[in-house]
PDB file of all heavy atoms in Angstrom:
ATOM      1  N   ARG A   1     -19.572   3.670  -6.675  1.00  0.00           N
ATOM      2  CA  ARG A   1     -19.475   2.291  -6.201  1.00  0.00           C
ATOM      3  C   ARG A   1     -18.136   1.674  -6.574  1.00  0.00           C
ATOM      4  O   ARG A   1     -17.468   1.049  -5.735  1.00  0.00           O
ATOM      5  CB  ARG A   1     -20.621   1.465  -6.786  1.00  0.00           C
ATOM      6  CG  ARG A   1     -20.520  -0.037  -6.510  1.00  0.00           C
ATOM      7  CD  ARG A   1     -21.714  -0.779  -7.098  1.00  0.00           C
ATOM      8  NE  ARG A   1     -21.909  -0.479  -8.502  1.00  0.00           N
ATOM      9  CZ  ARG A   1     -21.211  -1.031  -9.490  1.00  0.00           C
ATOM     10  NH1 ARG A   1     -20.242  -1.910  -9.216  1.00  0.00           N
ATOM     11  NH2 ARG A   1     -21.461  -0.730 -10.755  1.00  0.00           N
ATOM     12  N   LYS A   2     -17.729   1.853  -7.826  1.00  0.00           N
ATOM     13  CA  LYS A   2     -16.454   1.292  -8.259  1.00  0.00           C
ATOM     14  C   LYS A   2     -15.283   1.967  -7.538  1.00  0.00           C
ATOM     15  O   LYS A   2     -14.298   1.308  -7.194  1.00  0.00           O
ATOM     16  CB  LYS A   2     -16.310   1.450  -9.773  1.00  0.00           C
ATOM     17  CG  LYS A   2     -17.255   0.574 -10.571  1.00  0.00           C
ATOM     18  CD  LYS A   2     -17.044   0.729 -12.067  1.00  0.00           C
ATOM     19  CE  LYS A   2     -17.967  -0.190 -12.851  1.00  0.00           C
ATOM     20  NZ  LYS A   2     -17.748  -0.115 -14.313  1.00  0.00           N
ATOM     21  N   GLY A   3     -15.407   3.266  -7.306  1.00  0.00           N
ATOM     22  CA  GLY A   3     -14.362   3.974  -6.581  1.00  0.00           C
ATOM     23  C   GLY A   3     -14.217   3.478  -5.160  1.00  0.00           C
ATOM     24  O   GLY A   3     -13.095   3.288  -4.661  1.00  0.00           O
ATOM     25  N   LYS A   4     -15.343   3.244  -4.490  1.00  0.00           N
ATOM     26  CA  LYS A   4     -15.281   2.736  -3.119  1.00  0.00           C
ATOM     27  C   LYS A   4     -14.679   1.333  -3.071  1.00  0.00           C
ATOM     28  O   LYS A   4     -13.907   1.004  -2.161  1.00  0.00           O
ATOM     29  CB  LYS A   4     -16.681   2.735  -2.499  1.00  0.00           C
ATOM     30  CG  LYS A   4     -17.189   4.110  -2.109  1.00  0.00           C
ATOM     31  CD  LYS A   4     -18.541   4.012  -1.412  1.00  0.00           C
ATOM     32  CE  LYS A   4     -19.004   5.376  -0.912  1.00  0.00           C
ATOM     33  NZ  LYS A   4     -20.308   5.301  -0.213  1.00  0.00           N
ATOM     34  N   ASP A   5     -15.038   0.501  -4.051  1.00  0.00           N
ATOM     35  CA  ASP A   5     -14.445  -0.837  -4.101  1.00  0.00           C
ATOM     36  C   ASP A   5     -12.924  -0.752  -4.203  1.00  0.00           C
ATOM     37  O   ASP A   5     -12.195  -1.477  -3.513  1.00  0.00           O
ATOM     38  CB  ASP A   5     -14.998  -1.609  -5.301  1.00  0.00           C
ATOM     39  CG  ASP A   5     -16.420  -2.099  -5.085  1.00  0.00           C
ATOM     40  OD1 ASP A   5     -16.885  -2.090  -3.930  1.00  0.00           O
ATOM     41  OD2 ASP A   5     -17.067  -2.488  -6.077  1.00  0.00           O
ATOM     42  N   LEU A   6     -12.447   0.131  -5.069  1.00  0.00           N
ATOM     43  CA  LEU A   6     -11.003   0.298  -5.226  1.00  0.00           C
ATOM     44  C   LEU A   6     -10.363   0.818  -3.955  1.00  0.00           C
ATOM     45  O   LEU A   6      -9.283   0.354  -3.554  1.00  0.00           O
ATOM     46  CB  LEU A   6     -10.705   1.257  -6.381  1.00  0.00           C
ATOM     47  CG  LEU A   6     -10.765   0.690  -7.795  1.00  0.00           C
ATOM     48  CD1 LEU A   6     -10.526   1.802  -8.806  1.00  0.00           C
ATOM     49  CD2 LEU A   6      -9.740  -0.417  -7.990  1.00  0.00           C
ATOM     50  N   GLU A   7     -10.996   1.785  -3.317  1.00  0.00           N
ATOM     51  CA  GLU A   7     -10.425   2.353  -2.089  1.00  0.00           C
ATOM     52  C   GLU A   7     -10.274   1.293  -1.020  1.00  0.00           C
ATOM     53  O   GLU A   7      -9.256   1.253  -0.312  1.00  0.00           O
ATOM     54  CB  GLU A   7     -11.300   3.506  -1.598  1.00  0.00           C
ATOM     55  CG  GLU A   7     -11.182   4.752  -2.456  1.00  0.00           C
ATOM     56  CD  GLU A   7     -12.162   5.836  -2.075  1.00  0.00           C
ATOM     57  OE1 GLU A   7     -13.143   5.542  -1.350  1.00  0.00           O
ATOM     58  OE2 GLU A   7     -11.951   6.987  -2.500  1.00  0.00           O
ATOM     59  N   ARG A   8     -11.265   0.414  -0.882  1.00  0.00           N
ATOM     60  CA  ARG A   8     -11.172  -0.673   0.098  1.00  0.00           C
ATOM     61  C   ARG A   8      -9.940  -1.535  -0.157  1.00  0.00           C
ATOM     62  O   ARG A   8      -9.137  -1.792   0.739  1.00  0.00           O
ATOM     63  CB  ARG A   8     -12.419  -1.558   0.032  1.00  0.00           C
ATOM     64  CG  ARG A   8     -13.711  -0.939   0.497  1.00  0.00           C
ATOM     65  CD  ARG A   8     -14.807  -1.987   0.446  1.00  0.00           C
ATOM     66  NE  ARG A   8     -16.112  -1.434   0.747  1.00  0.00           N
ATOM     67  CZ  ARG A   8     -17.010  -1.098  -0.170  1.00  0.00           C
ATOM     68  NH1 ARG A   8     -16.742  -1.259  -1.455  1.00  0.00           N
ATOM     69  NH2 ARG A   8     -18.185  -0.602   0.195  1.00  0.00           N
ATOM     70  N   VAL A   9      -9.822  -1.999  -1.397  1.00  0.00           N
ATOM     71  CA  VAL A   9      -8.771  -2.953  -1.732  1.00  0.00           C
ATOM     72  C   VAL A   9      -7.393  -2.307  -1.653  1.00  0.00           C
ATOM     73  O   VAL A   9      -6.445  -2.887  -1.097  1.00  0.00           O
ATOM     74  CB  VAL A   9      -9.026  -3.534  -3.141  1.00  0.00           C
ATOM     75  CG1 VAL A   9      -7.836  -4.397  -3.585  1.00  0.00           C
ATOM     76  CG2 VAL A   9     -10.302  -4.364  -3.144  1.00  0.00           C
ATOM     77  N   VAL A  10      -7.260  -1.112  -2.207  1.00  0.00           N
ATOM     78  CA  VAL A  10      -5.955  -0.448  -2.241  1.00  0.00           C
ATOM     79  C   VAL A  10      -5.493  -0.104  -0.829  1.00  0.00           C
ATOM     80  O   VAL A  10      -4.315  -0.298  -0.486  1.00  0.00           O
ATOM     81  CB  VAL A  10      -6.022   0.806  -3.132  1.00  0.00           C
ATOM     82  CG1 VAL A  10      -4.763   1.651  -2.976  1.00  0.00           C
ATOM     83  CG2 VAL A  10      -6.203   0.406  -4.589  1.00  0.00           C
ATOM     84  N   LEU A  11      -6.391   0.387   0.011  1.00  0.00           N
ATOM     85  CA  LEU A  11      -6.007   0.700   1.382  1.00  0.00           C
ATOM     86  C   LEU A  11      -5.602  -0.560   2.135  1.00  0.00           C
ATOM     87  O   LEU A  11      -4.601  -0.570   2.864  1.00  0.00           O
ATOM     88  CB  LEU A  11      -7.154   1.404   2.107  1.00  0.00           C
ATOM     89  CG  LEU A  11      -6.867   1.813   3.554  1.00  0.00           C
ATOM     90  CD1 LEU A  11      -5.674   2.756   3.638  1.00  0.00           C
ATOM     91  CD2 LEU A  11      -8.103   2.457   4.191  1.00  0.00           C
ATOM     92  N   ALA A  12      -6.359  -1.638   1.960  1.00  0.00           N
ATOM     93  CA  ALA A  12      -6.023  -2.890   2.641  1.00  0.00           C
ATOM     94  C   ALA A  12      -4.652  -3.397   2.220  1.00  0.00           C
ATOM     95  O   ALA A  12      -3.855  -3.855   3.042  1.00  0.00           O
ATOM     96  CB  ALA A  12      -7.095  -3.944   2.359  1.00  0.00           C
ATOM     97  N   ARG A  13      -4.361  -3.332   0.922  1.00  0.00           N
ATOM     98  CA  ARG A  13      -3.043  -3.771   0.447  1.00  0.00           C
ATOM     99  C   ARG A  13      -1.935  -2.932   1.072  1.00  0.00           C
ATOM    100  O   ARG A  13      -0.906  -3.454   1.507  1.00  0.00           O
ATOM    101  CB  ARG A  13      -2.966  -3.643  -1.072  1.00  0.00           C
ATOM    102  CG  ARG A  13      -3.797  -4.640  -1.860  1.00  0.00           C
ATOM    103  CD  ARG A  13      -3.663  -4.309  -3.345  1.00  0.00           C
ATOM    104  NE  ARG A  13      -4.571  -5.060  -4.180  1.00  0.00           N
ATOM    105  CZ  ARG A  13      -4.880  -4.712  -5.430  1.00  0.00           C
ATOM    106  NH1 ARG A  13      -4.345  -3.609  -5.953  1.00  0.00           N
ATOM    107  NH2 ARG A  13      -5.706  -5.441  -6.141  1.00  0.00           N
ATOM    108  N   ALA A  14      -2.143  -1.620   1.105  1.00  0.00           N
ATOM    109  CA  ALA A  14      -1.111  -0.731   1.641  1.00  0.00           C
ATOM    110  C   ALA A  14      -0.860  -1.002   3.116  1.00  0.00           C
ATOM    111  O   ALA A  14       0.290  -1.052   3.567  1.00  0.00           O
ATOM    112  CB  ALA A  14      -1.520   0.724   1.427  1.00  0.00           C
ATOM    113  N   VAL A  15      -1.932  -1.173   3.870  1.00  0.00           N
ATOM    114  CA  VAL A  15      -1.785  -1.448   5.302  1.00  0.00           C
ATOM    115  C   VAL A  15      -1.064  -2.780   5.509  1.00  0.00           C
ATOM    116  O   VAL A  15      -0.158  -2.889   6.346  1.00  0.00           O
ATOM    117  CB  VAL A  15      -3.154  -1.448   5.997  1.00  0.00           C
ATOM    118  CG1 VAL A  15      -3.038  -1.953   7.429  1.00  0.00           C
ATOM    119  CG2 VAL A  15      -3.756  -0.046   5.986  1.00  0.00           C
ATOM    120  N   ARG A  16      -1.436  -3.777   4.732  1.00  0.00           N
ATOM    121  CA  ARG A  16      -0.787  -5.083   4.881  1.00  0.00           C
ATOM    122  C   ARG A  16       0.700  -4.998   4.544  1.00  0.00           C
ATOM    123  O   ARG A  16       1.546  -5.543   5.265  1.00  0.00           O
ATOM    124  CB  ARG A  16      -1.470  -6.107   3.976  1.00  0.00           C
ATOM    125  CG  ARG A  16      -0.920  -7.529   4.164  1.00  0.00           C
ATOM    126  CD  ARG A  16      -1.557  -8.528   3.203  1.00  0.00           C
ATOM    127  NE  ARG A  16      -2.996  -8.595   3.386  1.00  0.00           N
ATOM    128  CZ  ARG A  16      -3.881  -8.148   2.491  1.00  0.00           C
ATOM    129  NH1 ARG A  16      -3.467  -7.577   1.370  1.00  0.00           N
ATOM    130  NH2 ARG A  16      -5.163  -8.258   2.730  1.00  0.00           N
ATOM    131  N   LEU A  17       1.038  -4.324   3.465  1.00  0.00           N
ATOM    132  CA  LEU A  17       2.447  -4.187   3.086  1.00  0.00           C
ATOM    133  C   LEU A  17       3.243  -3.466   4.170  1.00  0.00           C
ATOM    134  O   LEU A  17       4.379  -3.842   4.478  1.00  0.00           O
ATOM    135  CB  LEU A  17       2.556  -3.439   1.761  1.00  0.00           C
ATOM    136  CG  LEU A  17       2.094  -4.207   0.520  1.00  0.00           C
ATOM    137  CD1 LEU A  17       1.912  -3.254  -0.660  1.00  0.00           C
ATOM    138  CD2 LEU A  17       3.075  -5.315   0.170  1.00  0.00           C
ATOM    139  N   HIS A  18       2.640  -2.429   4.744  1.00  0.00           N
ATOM    140  CA  HIS A  18       3.315  -1.700   5.828  1.00  0.00           C
ATOM    141  C   HIS A  18       3.523  -2.611   7.037  1.00  0.00           C
ATOM    142  O   HIS A  18       4.620  -2.643   7.614  1.00  0.00           O
ATOM    143  CB  HIS A  18       2.497  -0.475   6.212  1.00  0.00           C
ATOM    144  CG  HIS A  18       3.056   0.256   7.387  1.00  0.00           C
ATOM    145  ND1 HIS A  18       3.959   1.294   7.266  1.00  0.00           N
ATOM    146  CD2 HIS A  18       2.862   0.096   8.728  1.00  0.00           C
ATOM    147  CE1 HIS A  18       4.282   1.739   8.458  1.00  0.00           C
ATOM    148  NE2 HIS A  18       3.636   1.027   9.366  1.00  0.00           N
ATOM    149  N   LEU A  19       2.484  -3.342   7.409  1.00  0.00           N
ATOM    150  CA  LEU A  19       2.577  -4.194   8.589  1.00  0.00           C
ATOM    151  C   LEU A  19       3.572  -5.332   8.399  1.00  0.00           C
ATOM    152  O   LEU A  19       4.167  -5.820   9.366  1.00  0.00           O
ATOM    153  CB  LEU A  19       1.200  -4.763   8.939  1.00  0.00           C
ATOM    154  CG  LEU A  19       0.148  -3.745   9.390  1.00  0.00           C
ATOM    155  CD1 LEU A  19      -1.197  -4.429   9.583  1.00  0.00           C
ATOM    156  CD2 LEU A  19       0.576  -3.044  10.670  1.00  0.00           C
ATOM    157  N   GLN A  20       3.756  -5.750   7.159  1.00  0.00           N
ATOM    158  CA  GLN A  20       4.721  -6.816   6.875  1.00  0.00           C
ATOM    159  C   GLN A  20       6.132  -6.267   6.650  1.00  0.00           C
ATOM    160  O   GLN A  20       7.033  -7.009   6.273  1.00  0.00           O
ATOM    161  CB  GLN A  20       4.271  -7.599   5.635  1.00  0.00           C
ATOM    162  CG  GLN A  20       3.011  -8.411   5.867  1.00  0.00           C
ATOM    163  CD  GLN A  20       2.539  -9.121   4.598  1.00  0.00           C
ATOM    164  OE1 GLN A  20       2.936  -8.777   3.481  1.00  0.00           O
ATOM    165  NE2 GLN A  20       1.686 -10.109   4.770  1.00  0.00           N
ATOM    166  N   ASN A  21       6.296  -4.961   6.874  1.00  0.00           N
ATOM    167  CA  ASN A  21       7.614  -4.315   6.748  1.00  0.00           C
ATOM    168  C   ASN A  21       8.213  -4.530   5.358  1.00  0.00           C
ATOM    169  O   ASN A  21       9.379  -4.897   5.199  1.00  0.00           O
ATOM    170  CB  ASN A  21       8.569  -4.855   7.826  1.00  0.00           C
ATOM    171  CG  ASN A  21       8.002  -4.696   9.216  1.00  0.00           C
ATOM    172  OD1 ASN A  21       7.621  -3.597   9.614  1.00  0.00           O
ATOM    173  ND2 ASN A  21       7.907  -5.785   9.956  1.00  0.00           N
ATOM    174  N   ARG A  22       7.379  -4.266   4.350  1.00  0.00           N
ATOM    175  CA  ARG A  22       7.806  -4.443   2.966  1.00  0.00           C
ATOM    176  C   ARG A  22       7.986  -3.122   2.222  1.00  0.00           C
ATOM    177  O   ARG A  22       8.261  -3.121   1.032  1.00  0.00           O
ATOM    178  CB  ARG A  22       6.795  -5.323   2.214  1.00  0.00           C
ATOM    179  CG  ARG A  22       6.702  -6.737   2.765  1.00  0.00           C
ATOM    180  CD  ARG A  22       5.814  -7.632   1.927  1.00  0.00           C
ATOM    181  NE  ARG A  22       5.775  -8.971   2.493  1.00  0.00           N
ATOM    182  CZ  ARG A  22       6.678  -9.920   2.242  1.00  0.00           C
ATOM    183  NH1 ARG A  22       7.694  -9.659   1.422  1.00  0.00           N
ATOM    184  NH2 ARG A  22       6.570 -11.114   2.785  1.00  0.00           N
ATOM    185  N   VAL A  23       7.821  -2.006   2.931  1.00  0.00           N
ATOM    186  CA  VAL A  23       7.869  -0.711   2.273  1.00  0.00           C
ATOM    187  C   VAL A  23       9.078   0.071   2.778  1.00  0.00           C
ATOM    188  O   VAL A  23       9.249   0.265   3.982  1.00  0.00           O
ATOM    189  CB  VAL A  23       6.585   0.103   2.553  1.00  0.00           C
ATOM    190  CG1 VAL A  23       6.604   1.402   1.745  1.00  0.00           C
ATOM    191  CG2 VAL A  23       5.337  -0.716   2.224  1.00  0.00           C
ATOM    192  N   LEU A  24       9.896   0.533   1.847  1.00  0.00           N
ATOM    193  CA  LEU A  24      11.069   1.329   2.190  1.00  0.00           C
ATOM    194  C   LEU A  24      10.930   2.678   1.490  1.00  0.00           C
ATOM    195  O   LEU A  24      10.799   2.742   0.269  1.00  0.00           O
ATOM    196  CB  LEU A  24      12.342   0.606   1.744  1.00  0.00           C
ATOM    197  CG  LEU A  24      13.622   0.923   2.517  1.00  0.00           C
ATOM    198  CD1 LEU A  24      14.665  -0.160   2.276  1.00  0.00           C
ATOM    199  CD2 LEU A  24      14.185   2.269   2.155  1.00  0.00           C
ATOM    200  N   VAL A  25      10.939   3.747   2.276  1.00  0.00           N
ATOM    201  CA  VAL A  25      10.715   5.097   1.759  1.00  0.00           C
ATOM    202  C   VAL A  25      12.047   5.804   1.554  1.00  0.00           C
ATOM    203  O   VAL A  25      12.923   5.746   2.414  1.00  0.00           O
ATOM    204  CB  VAL A  25       9.843   5.917   2.723  1.00  0.00           C
ATOM    205  CG1 VAL A  25       9.657   7.349   2.203  1.00  0.00           C
ATOM    206  CG2 VAL A  25       8.484   5.249   2.920  1.00  0.00           C
ATOM    207  N   TYR A  26      12.176   6.467   0.397  1.00  0.00           N
ATOM    208  CA  TYR A  26      13.339   7.321   0.160  1.00  0.00           C
ATOM    209  C   TYR A  26      12.959   8.378  -0.863  1.00  0.00           C
ATOM    210  O   TYR A  26      12.220   8.109  -1.803  1.00  0.00           O
ATOM    211  CB  TYR A  26      14.543   6.509  -0.331  1.00  0.00           C
ATOM    212  CG  TYR A  26      14.445   6.035  -1.762  1.00  0.00           C
ATOM    213  CD1 TYR A  26      15.177   6.655  -2.784  1.00  0.00           C
ATOM    214  CD2 TYR A  26      13.612   4.979  -2.109  1.00  0.00           C
ATOM    215  CE1 TYR A  26      15.092   6.225  -4.091  1.00  0.00           C
ATOM    216  CE2 TYR A  26      13.519   4.542  -3.415  1.00  0.00           C
ATOM    217  CZ  TYR A  26      14.261   5.172  -4.403  1.00  0.00           C
ATOM    218  OH  TYR A  26      14.164   4.746  -5.702  1.00  0.00           O
ATOM    219  N   ALA A  27      13.407   9.601  -0.648  1.00  0.00           N
ATOM    220  CA  ALA A  27      13.220  10.702  -1.605  1.00  0.00           C
ATOM    221  C   ALA A  27      11.770  10.839  -2.049  1.00  0.00           C
ATOM    222  O   ALA A  27      11.482  11.038  -3.226  1.00  0.00           O
ATOM    223  CB  ALA A  27      14.129  10.507  -2.815  1.00  0.00           C
ATOM    224  N   ASN A  28      10.841  10.731  -1.087  1.00  0.00           N
ATOM    225  CA  ASN A  28       9.400  10.830  -1.351  1.00  0.00           C
ATOM    226  C   ASN A  28       8.907   9.757  -2.322  1.00  0.00           C
ATOM    227  O   ASN A  28       7.907   9.934  -3.013  1.00  0.00           O
ATOM    228  CB  ASN A  28       9.007  12.214  -1.876  1.00  0.00           C
ATOM    229  CG  ASN A  28       7.559  12.536  -1.549  1.00  0.00           C
ATOM    230  OD1 ASN A  28       7.098  12.324  -0.434  1.00  0.00           O
ATOM    231  ND2 ASN A  28       6.822  13.050  -2.525  1.00  0.00           N
ATOM    232  N   ARG A  29       9.627   8.660  -2.385  1.00  0.00           N
ATOM    233  CA  ARG A  29       9.231   7.507  -3.181  1.00  0.00           C
ATOM    234  C   ARG A  29       9.267   6.281  -2.290  1.00  0.00           C
ATOM    235  O   ARG A  29       9.752   6.326  -1.149  1.00  0.00           O
ATOM    236  CB  ARG A  29      10.187   7.307  -4.369  1.00  0.00           C
ATOM    237  CG  ARG A  29      10.279   8.454  -5.308  1.00  0.00           C
ATOM    238  CD  ARG A  29      11.267   8.177  -6.415  1.00  0.00           C
ATOM    239  NE  ARG A  29      10.890   6.996  -7.192  1.00  0.00           N
ATOM    240  CZ  ARG A  29      11.646   6.467  -8.163  1.00  0.00           C
ATOM    241  NH1 ARG A  29      12.824   6.986  -8.420  1.00  0.00           N
ATOM    242  NH2 ARG A  29      11.239   5.413  -8.829  1.00  0.00           N
ATOM    243  N   THR A  30       8.766   5.169  -2.818  1.00  0.00           N
ATOM    244  CA  THR A  30       8.844   3.910  -2.083  1.00  0.00           C
ATOM    245  C   THR A  30       9.391   2.809  -2.975  1.00  0.00           C
ATOM    246  O   THR A  30       9.209   2.814  -4.190  1.00  0.00           O
ATOM    247  CB  THR A  30       7.475   3.459  -1.558  1.00  0.00           C
ATOM    248  OG1 THR A  30       6.613   3.190  -2.682  1.00  0.00           O
ATOM    249  CG2 THR A  30       6.856   4.482  -0.637  1.00  0.00           C
ATOM    250  N   VAL A  31      10.080   1.885  -2.336  1.00  0.00           N
ATOM    251  CA  VAL A  31      10.326   0.571  -2.911  1.00  0.00           C
ATOM    252  C   VAL A  31       9.488  -0.396  -2.103  1.00  0.00           C
ATOM    253  O   VAL A  31       9.551  -0.406  -0.875  1.00  0.00           O
ATOM    254  CB  VAL A  31      11.818   0.195  -2.836  1.00  0.00           C
ATOM    255  CG1 VAL A  31      12.010  -1.286  -3.182  1.00  0.00           C
ATOM    256  CG2 VAL A  31      12.628   1.044  -3.782  1.00  0.00           C
ATOM    257  N   VAL A  32       8.672  -1.186  -2.790  1.00  0.00           N
ATOM    258  CA  VAL A  32       7.790  -2.143  -2.115  1.00  0.00           C
ATOM    259  C   VAL A  32       8.282  -3.538  -2.464  1.00  0.00           C
ATOM    260  O   VAL A  32       8.197  -3.985  -3.611  1.00  0.00           O
ATOM    261  CB  VAL A  32       6.320  -1.952  -2.550  1.00  0.00           C
ATOM    262  CG1 VAL A  32       5.433  -2.981  -1.838  1.00  0.00           C
ATOM    263  CG2 VAL A  32       5.853  -0.537  -2.243  1.00  0.00           C
ATOM    264  N   PHE A  33       8.796  -4.231  -1.463  1.00  0.00           N
ATOM    265  CA  PHE A  33       9.333  -5.584  -1.655  1.00  0.00           C
ATOM    266  C   PHE A  33       8.212  -6.591  -1.440  1.00  0.00           C
ATOM    267  O   PHE A  33       7.893  -6.957  -0.315  1.00  0.00           O
ATOM    268  CB  PHE A  33      10.479  -5.853  -0.679  1.00  0.00           C
ATOM    269  CG  PHE A  33      11.681  -4.966  -0.888  1.00  0.00           C
ATOM    270  CD1 PHE A  33      11.991  -3.971   0.025  1.00  0.00           C
ATOM    271  CD2 PHE A  33      12.485  -5.119  -2.001  1.00  0.00           C
ATOM    272  CE1 PHE A  33      13.101  -3.167  -0.151  1.00  0.00           C
ATOM    273  CE2 PHE A  33      13.595  -4.322  -2.187  1.00  0.00           C
ATOM    274  CZ  PHE A  33      13.904  -3.337  -1.274  1.00  0.00           C
ATOM    275  N   GLU A  34       7.610  -7.040  -2.528  1.00  0.00           N
ATOM    276  CA  GLU A  34       6.481  -7.984  -2.416  1.00  0.00           C
ATOM    277  C   GLU A  34       6.975  -9.417  -2.585  1.00  0.00           C
ATOM    278  O   GLU A  34       8.041  -9.664  -3.092  1.00  0.00           O
ATOM    279  CB  GLU A  34       5.422  -7.646  -3.462  1.00  0.00           C
ATOM    280  CG  GLU A  34       4.803  -6.267  -3.253  1.00  0.00           C
ATOM    281  CD  GLU A  34       3.589  -6.053  -4.115  1.00  0.00           C
ATOM    282  OE1 GLU A  34       2.607  -6.803  -3.941  1.00  0.00           O
ATOM    283  OE2 GLU A  34       3.602  -5.150  -4.952  1.00  0.00           O
TER     284      GLU A  34
END
């Protein structure tokens, strides 16, 4: 249950950050401009 709760929130945050063009990928890493 706790794992599923985390998966919901973490995935939603990641999708939102991507859609807001806040993620820059380099060298298999990211900089996330929040």
